PDB file of N, CA and C in Angstrom:
ATOM      1  N   MET A   1      -2.168  -8.276   6.488  1.00  0.00           N
ATOM      2  CA  MET A   1      -1.413  -7.861   5.317  1.00  0.00           C
ATOM      3  C   MET A   1      -0.037  -7.405   5.768  1.00  0.00           C
ATOM      4  N   GLU A   2       0.950  -7.827   5.043  1.00  0.00           N
ATOM      5  CA  GLU A   2       2.333  -7.456   5.344  1.00  0.00           C
ATOM      6  C   GLU A   2       2.483  -5.931   5.205  1.00  0.00           C
ATOM      7  N   PRO A   3       2.983  -5.237   6.256  1.00  0.00           N
ATOM      8  CA  PRO A   3       3.048  -3.770   6.229  1.00  0.00           C
ATOM      9  C   PRO A   3       3.773  -3.176   5.022  1.00  0.00           C
ATOM     10  N   SER A   4       4.907  -3.754   4.637  1.00  0.00           N
ATOM     11  CA  SER A   4       5.636  -3.188   3.491  1.00  0.00           C
ATOM     12  C   SER A   4       4.848  -3.351   2.200  1.00  0.00           C
ATOM     13  N   ARG A   5       4.162  -4.487   2.058  1.00  0.00           N
ATOM     14  CA  ARG A   5       3.336  -4.709   0.862  1.00  0.00           C
ATOM     15  C   ARG A   5       2.139  -3.771   0.867  1.00  0.00           C
ATOM     16  N   ASN A   6       1.563  -3.551   2.034  1.00  0.00           N
ATOM     17  CA  ASN A   6       0.428  -2.649   2.156  1.00  0.00           C
ATOM     18  C   ASN A   6       0.832  -1.250   1.697  1.00  0.00           C
ATOM     19  N   ARG A   7       1.990  -0.770   2.125  1.00  0.00           N
ATOM     20  CA  ARG A   7       2.466   0.561   1.732  1.00  0.00           C
ATOM     21  C   ARG A   7       2.674   0.627   0.215  1.00  0.00           C
ATOM     22  N   ILE A   8       3.280  -0.396  -0.361  1.00  0.00           N
ATOM     23  CA  ILE A   8       3.522  -0.416  -1.813  1.00  0.00           C
ATOM     24  C   ILE A   8       2.203  -0.349  -2.574  1.00  0.00           C
ATOM     25  N   LEU A   9       1.218  -1.151  -2.151  1.00  0.00           N
ATOM     26  CA  LEU A   9      -0.090  -1.141  -2.815  1.00  0.00           C
ATOM     27  C   LEU A   9      -0.772   0.210  -2.676  1.00  0.00           C
ATOM     28  N   ALA A  10      -0.668   0.822  -1.493  1.00  0.00           N
ATOM     29  CA  ALA A  10      -1.282   2.133  -1.266  1.00  0.00           C
ATOM     30  C   ALA A  10      -0.625   3.194  -2.144  1.00  0.00           C
ATOM     31  N   GLU A  11       0.695   3.163  -2.226  1.00  0.00           N
ATOM     32  CA  GLU A  11       1.407   4.128  -3.066  1.00  0.00           C
ATOM     33  C   GLU A  11       1.041   3.950  -4.539  1.00  0.00           C
ATOM     34  N   MET A  12       0.936   2.701  -4.978  1.00  0.00           N
ATOM     35  CA  MET A  12       0.556   2.437  -6.371  1.00  0.00           C
ATOM     36  C   MET A  12      -0.855   2.937  -6.653  1.00  0.00           C
ATOM     37  N   ALA A  13      -1.763   2.731  -5.713  1.00  0.00           N
ATOM     38  CA  ALA A  13      -3.147   3.166  -5.916  1.00  0.00           C
ATOM     39  C   ALA A  13      -3.232   4.682  -6.042  1.00  0.00           C
ATOM     40  N   VAL A  14      -2.532   5.397  -5.164  1.00  0.00           N
ATOM     41  CA  VAL A  14      -2.558   6.861  -5.225  1.00  0.00           C
ATOM     42  C   VAL A  14      -1.895   7.354  -6.509  1.00  0.00           C
ATOM     43  N   GLU A  15      -0.778   6.745  -6.869  1.00  0.00           N
ATOM     44  CA  GLU A  15      -0.066   7.149  -8.082  1.00  0.00           C
ATOM     45  C   GLU A  15      -0.896   6.876  -9.339  1.00  0.00           C
ATOM     46  N   THR A  16      -1.541   5.733  -9.390  1.00  0.00           N
ATOM     47  CA  THR A  16      -2.306   5.344 -10.576  1.00  0.00           C
ATOM     48  C   THR A  16      -3.571   6.173 -10.743  1.00  0.00           C
ATOM     49  N   THR A  17      -4.308   6.349  -9.648  1.00  0.00           N
ATOM     50  CA  THR A  17      -5.606   7.025  -9.744  1.00  0.00           C
ATOM     51  C   THR A  17      -5.537   8.518  -9.488  1.00  0.00           C
ATOM     52  N   GLY A  18      -4.510   8.946  -8.755  1.00  0.00           N
ATOM     53  CA  GLY A  18      -4.435  10.361  -8.381  1.00  0.00           C
ATOM     54  C   GLY A  18      -5.448  10.717  -7.308  1.00  0.00           C
ATOM     55  N   LEU A  19      -6.031   9.722  -6.681  1.00  0.00           N
ATOM     56  CA  LEU A  19      -7.057   9.950  -5.661  1.00  0.00           C
ATOM     57  C   LEU A  19      -6.557   9.507  -4.292  1.00  0.00           C
ATOM     58  N   GLY A  20      -6.980  10.210  -3.236  1.00  0.00           N
ATOM     59  CA  GLY A  20      -6.673   9.815  -1.868  1.00  0.00           C
ATOM     60  C   GLY A  20      -5.246  10.108  -1.478  1.00  0.00           C
ATOM     61  N   ASN A  21      -4.869   9.570  -0.308  1.00  0.00           N
ATOM     62  CA  ASN A  21      -3.497   9.716   0.150  1.00  0.00           C
ATOM     63  C   ASN A  21      -3.024   8.378   0.707  1.00  0.00           C
ATOM     64  N   VAL A  22      -1.720   8.214   0.729  1.00  0.00           N
ATOM     65  CA  VAL A  22      -1.128   6.922   1.054  1.00  0.00           C
ATOM     66  C   VAL A  22      -1.502   6.445   2.455  1.00  0.00           C
ATOM     67  N   LEU A  23      -1.416   7.302   3.458  1.00  0.00           N
ATOM     68  CA  LEU A  23      -1.699   6.868   4.833  1.00  0.00           C
ATOM     69  C   LEU A  23      -3.141   6.389   5.002  1.00  0.00           C
ATOM     70  N   ASP A  24      -4.085   7.097   4.384  1.00  0.00           N
ATOM     71  CA  ASP A  24      -5.481   6.660   4.463  1.00  0.00           C
ATOM     72  C   ASP A  24      -5.690   5.325   3.750  1.00  0.00           C
ATOM     73  N   LYS A  25      -5.015   5.133   2.623  1.00  0.00           N
ATOM     74  CA  LYS A  25      -5.154   3.870   1.891  1.00  0.00           C
ATOM     75  C   LYS A  25      -4.543   2.711   2.677  1.00  0.00           C
ATOM     76  N   ILE A  26      -3.438   2.953   3.383  1.00  0.00           N
ATOM     77  CA  ILE A  26      -2.835   1.911   4.214  1.00  0.00           C
ATOM     78  C   ILE A  26      -3.827   1.473   5.285  1.00  0.00           C
ATOM     79  N   THR A  27      -4.445   2.448   5.957  1.00  0.00           N
ATOM     80  CA  THR A  27      -5.438   2.136   6.993  1.00  0.00           C
ATOM     81  C   THR A  27      -6.622   1.385   6.403  1.00  0.00           C
ATOM     82  N   LYS A  28      -7.125   1.861   5.268  1.00  0.00           N
ATOM     83  CA  LYS A  28      -8.266   1.211   4.621  1.00  0.00           C
ATOM     84  C   LYS A  28      -7.931  -0.222   4.231  1.00  0.00           C
ATOM     85  N   ASN A  29      -6.782  -0.438   3.589  1.00  0.00           N
ATOM     86  CA  ASN A  29      -6.389  -1.788   3.175  1.00  0.00           C
ATOM     87  C   ASN A  29      -6.294  -2.725   4.374  1.00  0.00           C
ATOM     88  N   HIS A  30      -5.700  -2.230   5.460  1.00  0.00           N
ATOM     89  CA  HIS A  30      -5.537  -3.054   6.656  1.00  0.00           C
ATOM     90  C   HIS A  30      -6.900  -3.455   7.231  1.00  0.00           C
ATOM     91  N   ARG A  31      -7.779  -2.472   7.377  1.00  0.00           N
ATOM     92  CA  ARG A  31      -9.105  -2.757   7.960  1.00  0.00           C
ATOM     93  C   ARG A  31      -9.933  -3.658   7.057  1.00  0.00           C
ATOM     94  N   LYS A  32      -9.894  -3.410   5.754  1.00  0.00           N
ATOM     95  CA  LYS A  32     -10.675  -4.237   4.823  1.00  0.00           C
ATOM     96  C   LYS A  32     -10.169  -5.672   4.804  1.00  0.00           C
ATOM     97  N   THR A  33      -8.842  -5.844   4.877  1.00  0.00           N
ATOM     98  CA  THR A  33      -8.275  -7.189   4.888  1.00  0.00           C
ATOM     99  C   THR A  33      -8.696  -7.938   6.143  1.00  0.00           C
ATOM    100  N   LEU A  34      -8.594  -7.275   7.298  1.00  0.00           N
ATOM    101  CA  LEU A  34      -9.008  -7.919   8.548  1.00  0.00           C
ATOM    102  C   LEU A  34     -10.499  -8.239   8.536  1.00  0.00           C
ATOM    103  N   GLY A  35     -11.307  -7.319   8.012  1.00  0.00           N
ATOM    104  CA  GLY A  35     -12.749  -7.547   7.934  1.00  0.00           C
ATOM    105  C   GLY A  35     -13.093  -8.722   7.045  1.00  0.00           C
ATOM    106  N   LEU A  36     -12.438  -8.802   5.896  1.00  0.00           N
ATOM    107  CA  LEU A  36     -12.679  -9.917   4.983  1.00  0.00           C
ATOM    108  C   LEU A  36     -12.282 -11.242   5.625  1.00  0.00           C
ATOM    109  N   MET A  37     -11.129 -11.261   6.271  1.00  0.00           N
ATOM    110  CA  MET A  37     -10.677 -12.497   6.923  1.00  0.00           C
ATOM    111  C   MET A  37     -11.638 -12.910   8.038  1.00  0.00           C
ATOM    112  N   ARG A  38     -12.150 -11.933   8.769  1.00  0.00           N
ATOM    113  CA  ARG A  38     -13.120 -12.236   9.820  1.00  0.00           C
ATOM    114  C   ARG A  38     -14.403 -12.810   9.224  1.00  0.00           C
ATOM    115  N   ASP A  39     -14.853 -12.213   8.111  1.00  0.00           N
ATOM    116  CA  ASP A  39     -16.098 -12.647   7.489  1.00  0.00           C
ATOM    117  C   ASP A  39     -16.024 -14.062   6.916  1.00  0.00           C
ATOM    118  N   ILE A  40     -14.868 -14.455   6.396  1.00  0.00           N
ATOM    119  CA  ILE A  40     -14.769 -15.763   5.752  1.00  0.00           C
ATOM    120  C   ILE A  40     -14.064 -16.818   6.603  1.00  0.00           C
ATOM    121  N   ALA A  41     -13.663 -16.455   7.815  1.00  0.00           N
ATOM    122  CA  ALA A  41     -12.889 -17.379   8.657  1.00  0.00           C
ATOM    123  C   ALA A  41     -13.609 -18.706   8.890  1.00  0.00           C
ATOM    124  N   ASP A  42     -14.900 -18.680   9.122  1.00  0.00           N
ATOM    125  CA  ASP A  42     -15.642 -19.902   9.416  1.00  0.00           C
ATOM    126  C   ASP A  42     -16.406 -20.455   8.212  1.00  0.00           C
ATOM    127  N   ALA A  43     -16.211 -19.842   7.053  1.00  0.00           N
ATOM    128  CA  ALA A  43     -16.928 -20.291   5.858  1.00  0.00           C
ATOM    129  C   ALA A  43     -16.346 -21.602   5.351  1.00  0.00           C
ATOM    130  N   LYS A  44     -17.205 -22.553   5.112  1.00  0.00           N
ATOM    131  CA  LYS A  44     -16.796 -23.846   4.558  1.00  0.00           C
ATOM    132  C   LYS A  44     -16.700 -23.674   3.050  1.00  0.00           C
ATOM    133  N   THR A  45     -15.529 -23.935   2.488  1.00  0.00           N
ATOM    134  CA  THR A  45     -15.326 -23.692   1.063  1.00  0.00           C
ATOM    135  C   THR A  45     -15.041 -24.953   0.261  1.00  0.00           C
ATOM    136  N   TYR A  46     -14.887 -26.093   0.916  1.00  0.00           N
ATOM    137  CA  TYR A  46     -14.664 -27.347   0.204  1.00  0.00           C
ATOM    138  C   TYR A  46     -15.129 -28.501   1.073  1.00  0.00           C
ATOM    139  N   GLY A  47     -15.342 -29.623   0.450  1.00  0.00           N
ATOM    140  CA  GLY A  47     -15.805 -30.797   1.184  1.00  0.00           C
ATOM    141  C   GLY A  47     -17.312 -30.781   1.366  1.00  0.00           C
ATOM    142  N   VAL A  48     -17.791 -31.498   2.370  1.00  0.00           N
ATOM    143  CA  VAL A  48     -19.223 -31.571   2.637  1.00  0.00           C
ATOM    144  C   VAL A  48     -19.669 -30.268   3.290  1.00  0.00           C
ATOM    145  N   ILE A  49     -20.542 -29.555   2.610  1.00  0.00           N
ATOM    146  CA  ILE A  49     -21.057 -28.277   3.108  1.00  0.00           C
ATOM    147  C   ILE A  49     -22.270 -28.521   3.990  1.00  0.00           C
ATOM    148  N   SER A  50     -23.154 -29.381   3.540  1.00  0.00           N
ATOM    149  CA  SER A  50     -24.326 -29.723   4.344  1.00  0.00           C
ATOM    150  C   SER A  50     -24.795 -31.133   3.989  1.00  0.00           C
ATOM    151  N   ASP A  51     -25.495 -31.729   4.933  1.00  0.00           N
ATOM    152  CA  ASP A  51     -26.005 -33.086   4.739  1.00  0.00           C
ATOM    153  C   ASP A  51     -27.380 -33.160   5.385  1.00  0.00           C
ATOM    154  N   ASP A  52     -28.400 -33.433   4.586  1.00  0.00           N
ATOM    155  CA  ASP A  52     -29.767 -33.525   5.096  1.00  0.00           C
ATOM    156  C   ASP A  52     -30.223 -34.978   5.002  1.00  0.00           C
ATOM    157  N   PRO A  53     -30.217 -35.700   6.130  1.00  0.00           N
ATOM    158  CA  PRO A  53     -30.614 -37.109   6.091  1.00  0.00           C
ATOM    159  C   PRO A  53     -32.084 -37.314   5.719  1.00  0.00           C
ATOM    160  N   ASN A  54     -32.935 -36.313   5.977  1.00  0.00           N
ATOM    161  CA  ASN A  54     -34.358 -36.440   5.638  1.00  0.00           C
ATOM    162  C   ASN A  54     -34.586 -36.520   4.131  1.00  0.00           C
ATOM    163  N   THR A  55     -33.834 -35.727   3.381  1.00  0.00           N
ATOM    164  CA  THR A  55     -34.015 -35.720   1.929  1.00  0.00           C
ATOM    165  C   THR A  55     -32.954 -36.558   1.215  1.00  0.00           C
ATOM    166  N   GLY A  56     -31.893 -36.886   1.942  1.00  0.00           N
ATOM    167  CA  GLY A  56     -30.802 -37.637   1.327  1.00  0.00           C
ATOM    168  C   GLY A  56     -29.907 -36.774   0.456  1.00  0.00           C
ATOM    169  N   ILE A  57     -30.000 -35.455   0.623  1.00  0.00           N
ATOM    170  CA  ILE A  57     -29.202 -34.531  -0.191  1.00  0.00           C
ATOM    171  C   ILE A  57     -27.957 -34.104   0.586  1.00  0.00           C
ATOM    172  N   THR A  58     -26.822 -34.284  -0.053  1.00  0.00           N
ATOM    173  CA  THR A  58     -25.547 -33.850   0.515  1.00  0.00           C
ATOM    174  C   THR A  58     -24.928 -32.841  -0.436  1.00  0.00           C
ATOM    175  N   GLU A  59     -24.606 -31.656   0.077  1.00  0.00           N
ATOM    176  CA  GLU A  59     -23.939 -30.644  -0.735  1.00  0.00           C
ATOM    177  C   GLU A  59     -22.440 -30.785  -0.547  1.00  0.00           C
ATOM    178  N   ILE A  60     -21.736 -30.926  -1.664  1.00  0.00           N
ATOM    179  CA  ILE A  60     -20.284 -31.063  -1.635  1.00  0.00           C
ATOM    180  C   ILE A  60     -19.684 -29.963  -2.508  1.00  0.00           C
ATOM    181  N   ALA A  61     -18.740 -29.209  -1.940  1.00  0.00           N
ATOM    182  CA  ALA A  61     -18.078 -28.138  -2.688  1.00  0.00           C
ATOM    183  C   ALA A  61     -16.669 -28.581  -3.053  1.00  0.00           C
ATOM    184  N   ARG A  62     -16.229 -28.138  -4.215  1.00  0.00           N
ATOM    185  CA  ARG A  62     -14.854 -28.403  -4.616  1.00  0.00           C
ATOM    186  C   ARG A  62     -14.296 -27.131  -5.254  1.00  0.00           C
ATOM    187  N   PRO A  63     -13.012 -26.885  -5.067  1.00  0.00           N
ATOM    188  CA  PRO A  63     -12.422 -25.674  -5.641  1.00  0.00           C
ATOM    189  C   PRO A  63     -12.366 -25.753  -7.163  1.00  0.00           C
ATOM    190  N   ILE A  64     -12.708 -24.632  -7.812  1.00  0.00           N
ATOM    191  CA  ILE A  64     -12.665 -24.590  -9.272  1.00  0.00           C
ATOM    192  C   ILE A  64     -11.800 -23.446  -9.784  1.00  0.00           C
ATOM    193  N   GLY A  65     -11.198 -22.690  -8.903  1.00  0.00           N
ATOM    194  CA  GLY A  65     -10.343 -21.573  -9.322  1.00  0.00           C
ATOM    195  C   GLY A  65     -10.999 -20.236  -9.034  1.00  0.00           C
ATOM    196  N   VAL A  66     -10.392 -19.189  -9.528  1.00  0.00           N
ATOM    197  CA  VAL A  66     -10.873 -17.827  -9.293  1.00  0.00           C
ATOM    198  C   VAL A  66     -12.166 -17.619 -10.069  1.00  0.00           C
ATOM    199  N   ILE A  67     -13.189 -17.122  -9.387  1.00  0.00           N
ATOM    200  CA  ILE A  67     -14.454 -16.857 -10.069  1.00  0.00           C
ATOM    201  C   ILE A  67     -14.791 -15.374 -10.072  1.00  0.00           C
ATOM    202  N   GLY A  68     -13.980 -14.565  -9.457  1.00  0.00           N
ATOM    203  CA  GLY A  68     -14.239 -13.134  -9.449  1.00  0.00           C
ATOM    204  C   GLY A  68     -12.971 -12.373  -9.143  1.00  0.00           C
ATOM    205  N   ALA A  69     -12.938 -11.129  -9.553  1.00  0.00           N
ATOM    206  CA  ALA A  69     -11.778 -10.299  -9.288  1.00  0.00           C
ATOM    207  C   ALA A  69     -12.218  -8.845  -9.231  1.00  0.00           C
ATOM    208  N   VAL A  70     -11.483  -8.063  -8.485  1.00  0.00           N
ATOM    209  CA  VAL A  70     -11.726  -6.628  -8.424  1.00  0.00           C
ATOM    210  C   VAL A  70     -10.701  -5.975  -9.330  1.00  0.00           C
ATOM    211  N   VAL A  71     -11.190  -5.157 -10.255  1.00  0.00           N
ATOM    212  CA  VAL A  71     -10.311  -4.494 -11.200  1.00  0.00           C
ATOM    213  C   VAL A  71     -10.374  -2.993 -10.933  1.00  0.00           C
ATOM    214  N   PRO A  72      -9.345  -2.446 -10.270  1.00  0.00           N
ATOM    215  CA  PRO A  72      -9.376  -1.008  -9.996  1.00  0.00           C
ATOM    216  C   PRO A  72      -9.231  -0.202 -11.282  1.00  0.00           C
ATOM    217  N   SER A  73      -9.957   0.887 -11.357  1.00  0.00           N
ATOM    218  CA  SER A  73      -9.890   1.734 -12.543  1.00  0.00           C
ATOM    219  C   SER A  73     -10.218   3.166 -12.142  1.00  0.00           C
ATOM    220  N   PRO A  74      -9.444   4.140 -12.616  1.00  0.00           N
ATOM    221  CA  PRO A  74      -9.764   5.523 -12.288  1.00  0.00           C
ATOM    222  C   PRO A  74     -11.034   6.001 -12.986  1.00  0.00           C
ATOM    223  N   TRP A  75     -11.442   5.303 -14.054  1.00  0.00           N
ATOM    224  CA  TRP A  75     -12.671   5.663 -14.746  1.00  0.00           C
ATOM    225  C   TRP A  75     -13.762   4.724 -14.251  1.00  0.00           C
ATOM    226  N   LYS A  76     -14.609   5.212 -13.359  1.00  0.00           N
ATOM    227  CA  LYS A  76     -15.560   4.362 -12.645  1.00  0.00           C
ATOM    228  C   LYS A  76     -16.509   3.561 -13.525  1.00  0.00           C
ATOM    229  N   PRO A  77     -17.123   4.129 -14.560  1.00  0.00           N
ATOM    230  CA  PRO A  77     -18.035   3.283 -15.366  1.00  0.00           C
ATOM    231  C   PRO A  77     -17.330   2.079 -15.989  1.00  0.00           C
ATOM    232  N   LYS A  78     -16.130   2.261 -16.494  1.00  0.00           N
ATOM    233  CA  LYS A  78     -15.410   1.152 -17.108  1.00  0.00           C
ATOM    234  C   LYS A  78     -15.003   0.137 -16.053  1.00  0.00           C
ATOM    235  N   GLY A  79     -14.560   0.607 -14.879  1.00  0.00           N
ATOM    236  CA  GLY A  79     -14.165  -0.300 -13.810  1.00  0.00           C
ATOM    237  C   GLY A  79     -15.320  -1.178 -13.368  1.00  0.00           C
ATOM    238  N   SER A  80     -16.496  -0.585 -13.214  1.00  0.00           N
ATOM    239  CA  SER A  80     -17.672  -1.347 -12.794  1.00  0.00           C
ATOM    240  C   SER A  80     -18.044  -2.383 -13.845  1.00  0.00           C
ATOM    241  N   GLU A  81     -17.979  -1.983 -15.100  1.00  0.00           N
ATOM    242  CA  GLU A  81     -18.325  -2.902 -16.184  1.00  0.00           C
ATOM    243  C   GLU A  81     -17.400  -4.117 -16.187  1.00  0.00           C
ATOM    244  N   TRP A  82     -16.103  -3.896 -16.045  1.00  0.00           N
ATOM    245  CA  TRP A  82     -15.149  -5.003 -16.065  1.00  0.00           C
ATOM    246  C   TRP A  82     -15.233  -5.864 -14.834  1.00  0.00           C
ATOM    247  N   THR A  83     -15.518  -5.249 -13.679  1.00  0.00           N
ATOM    248  CA  THR A  83     -15.634  -6.013 -12.448  1.00  0.00           C
ATOM    249  C   THR A  83     -16.780  -7.005 -12.571  1.00  0.00           C
ATOM    250  N   ILE A  84     -17.828  -6.634 -13.262  1.00  0.00           N
ATOM    251  CA  ILE A  84     -18.975  -7.525 -13.450  1.00  0.00           C
ATOM    252  C   ILE A  84     -18.723  -8.498 -14.600  1.00  0.00           C
ATOM    253  N   ARG A  85     -18.180  -8.009 -15.705  1.00  0.00           N
ATOM    254  CA  ARG A  85     -18.029  -8.821 -16.902  1.00  0.00           C
ATOM    255  C   ARG A  85     -16.995  -9.939 -16.752  1.00  0.00           C
ATOM    256  N   CYS A  86     -15.838  -9.654 -16.159  1.00  0.00           N
ATOM    257  CA  CYS A  86     -14.767 -10.657 -16.094  1.00  0.00           C
ATOM    258  C   CYS A  86     -15.200 -11.951 -15.399  1.00  0.00           C
ATOM    259  N   PRO A  87     -15.819 -11.892 -14.200  1.00  0.00           N
ATOM    260  CA  PRO A  87     -16.226 -13.154 -13.582  1.00  0.00           C
ATOM    261  C   PRO A  87     -17.302 -13.881 -14.379  1.00  0.00           C
ATOM    262  N   VAL A  88     -18.182 -13.139 -15.033  1.00  0.00           N
ATOM    263  CA  VAL A  88     -19.269 -13.771 -15.770  1.00  0.00           C
ATOM    264  C   VAL A  88     -18.725 -14.524 -16.983  1.00  0.00           C
ATOM    265  N   LYS A  89     -17.687 -13.981 -17.627  1.00  0.00           N
ATOM    266  CA  LYS A  89     -17.108 -14.610 -18.807  1.00  0.00           C
ATOM    267  C   LYS A  89     -16.340 -15.881 -18.461  1.00  0.00           C
ATOM    268  N   SER A  90     -15.778 -15.933 -17.267  1.00  0.00           N
ATOM    269  CA  SER A  90     -14.892 -17.058 -16.897  1.00  0.00           C
ATOM    270  C   SER A  90     -15.593 -18.379 -16.832  1.00  0.00           C
TER     271      SER A  90
END
């Protein structure tokens, strides 16, 4: 994550929610971004995912757009509801 963008996002999060502090959010954003990139680095997201010659089944993935999003909210019950509802509606 670009350091200046990380700081802006951290400042916005603290300002919007009134929770946490900017330096901790910068560290958290950086670590979470690196962790996510590590987790999905080898994930096959398009093309032939698997091919089983015994059954003749080939799994092919194609991009269809955004299927989920994280919606930050200072009111936790509403945030959780929208985080679940938005991808399901799409």
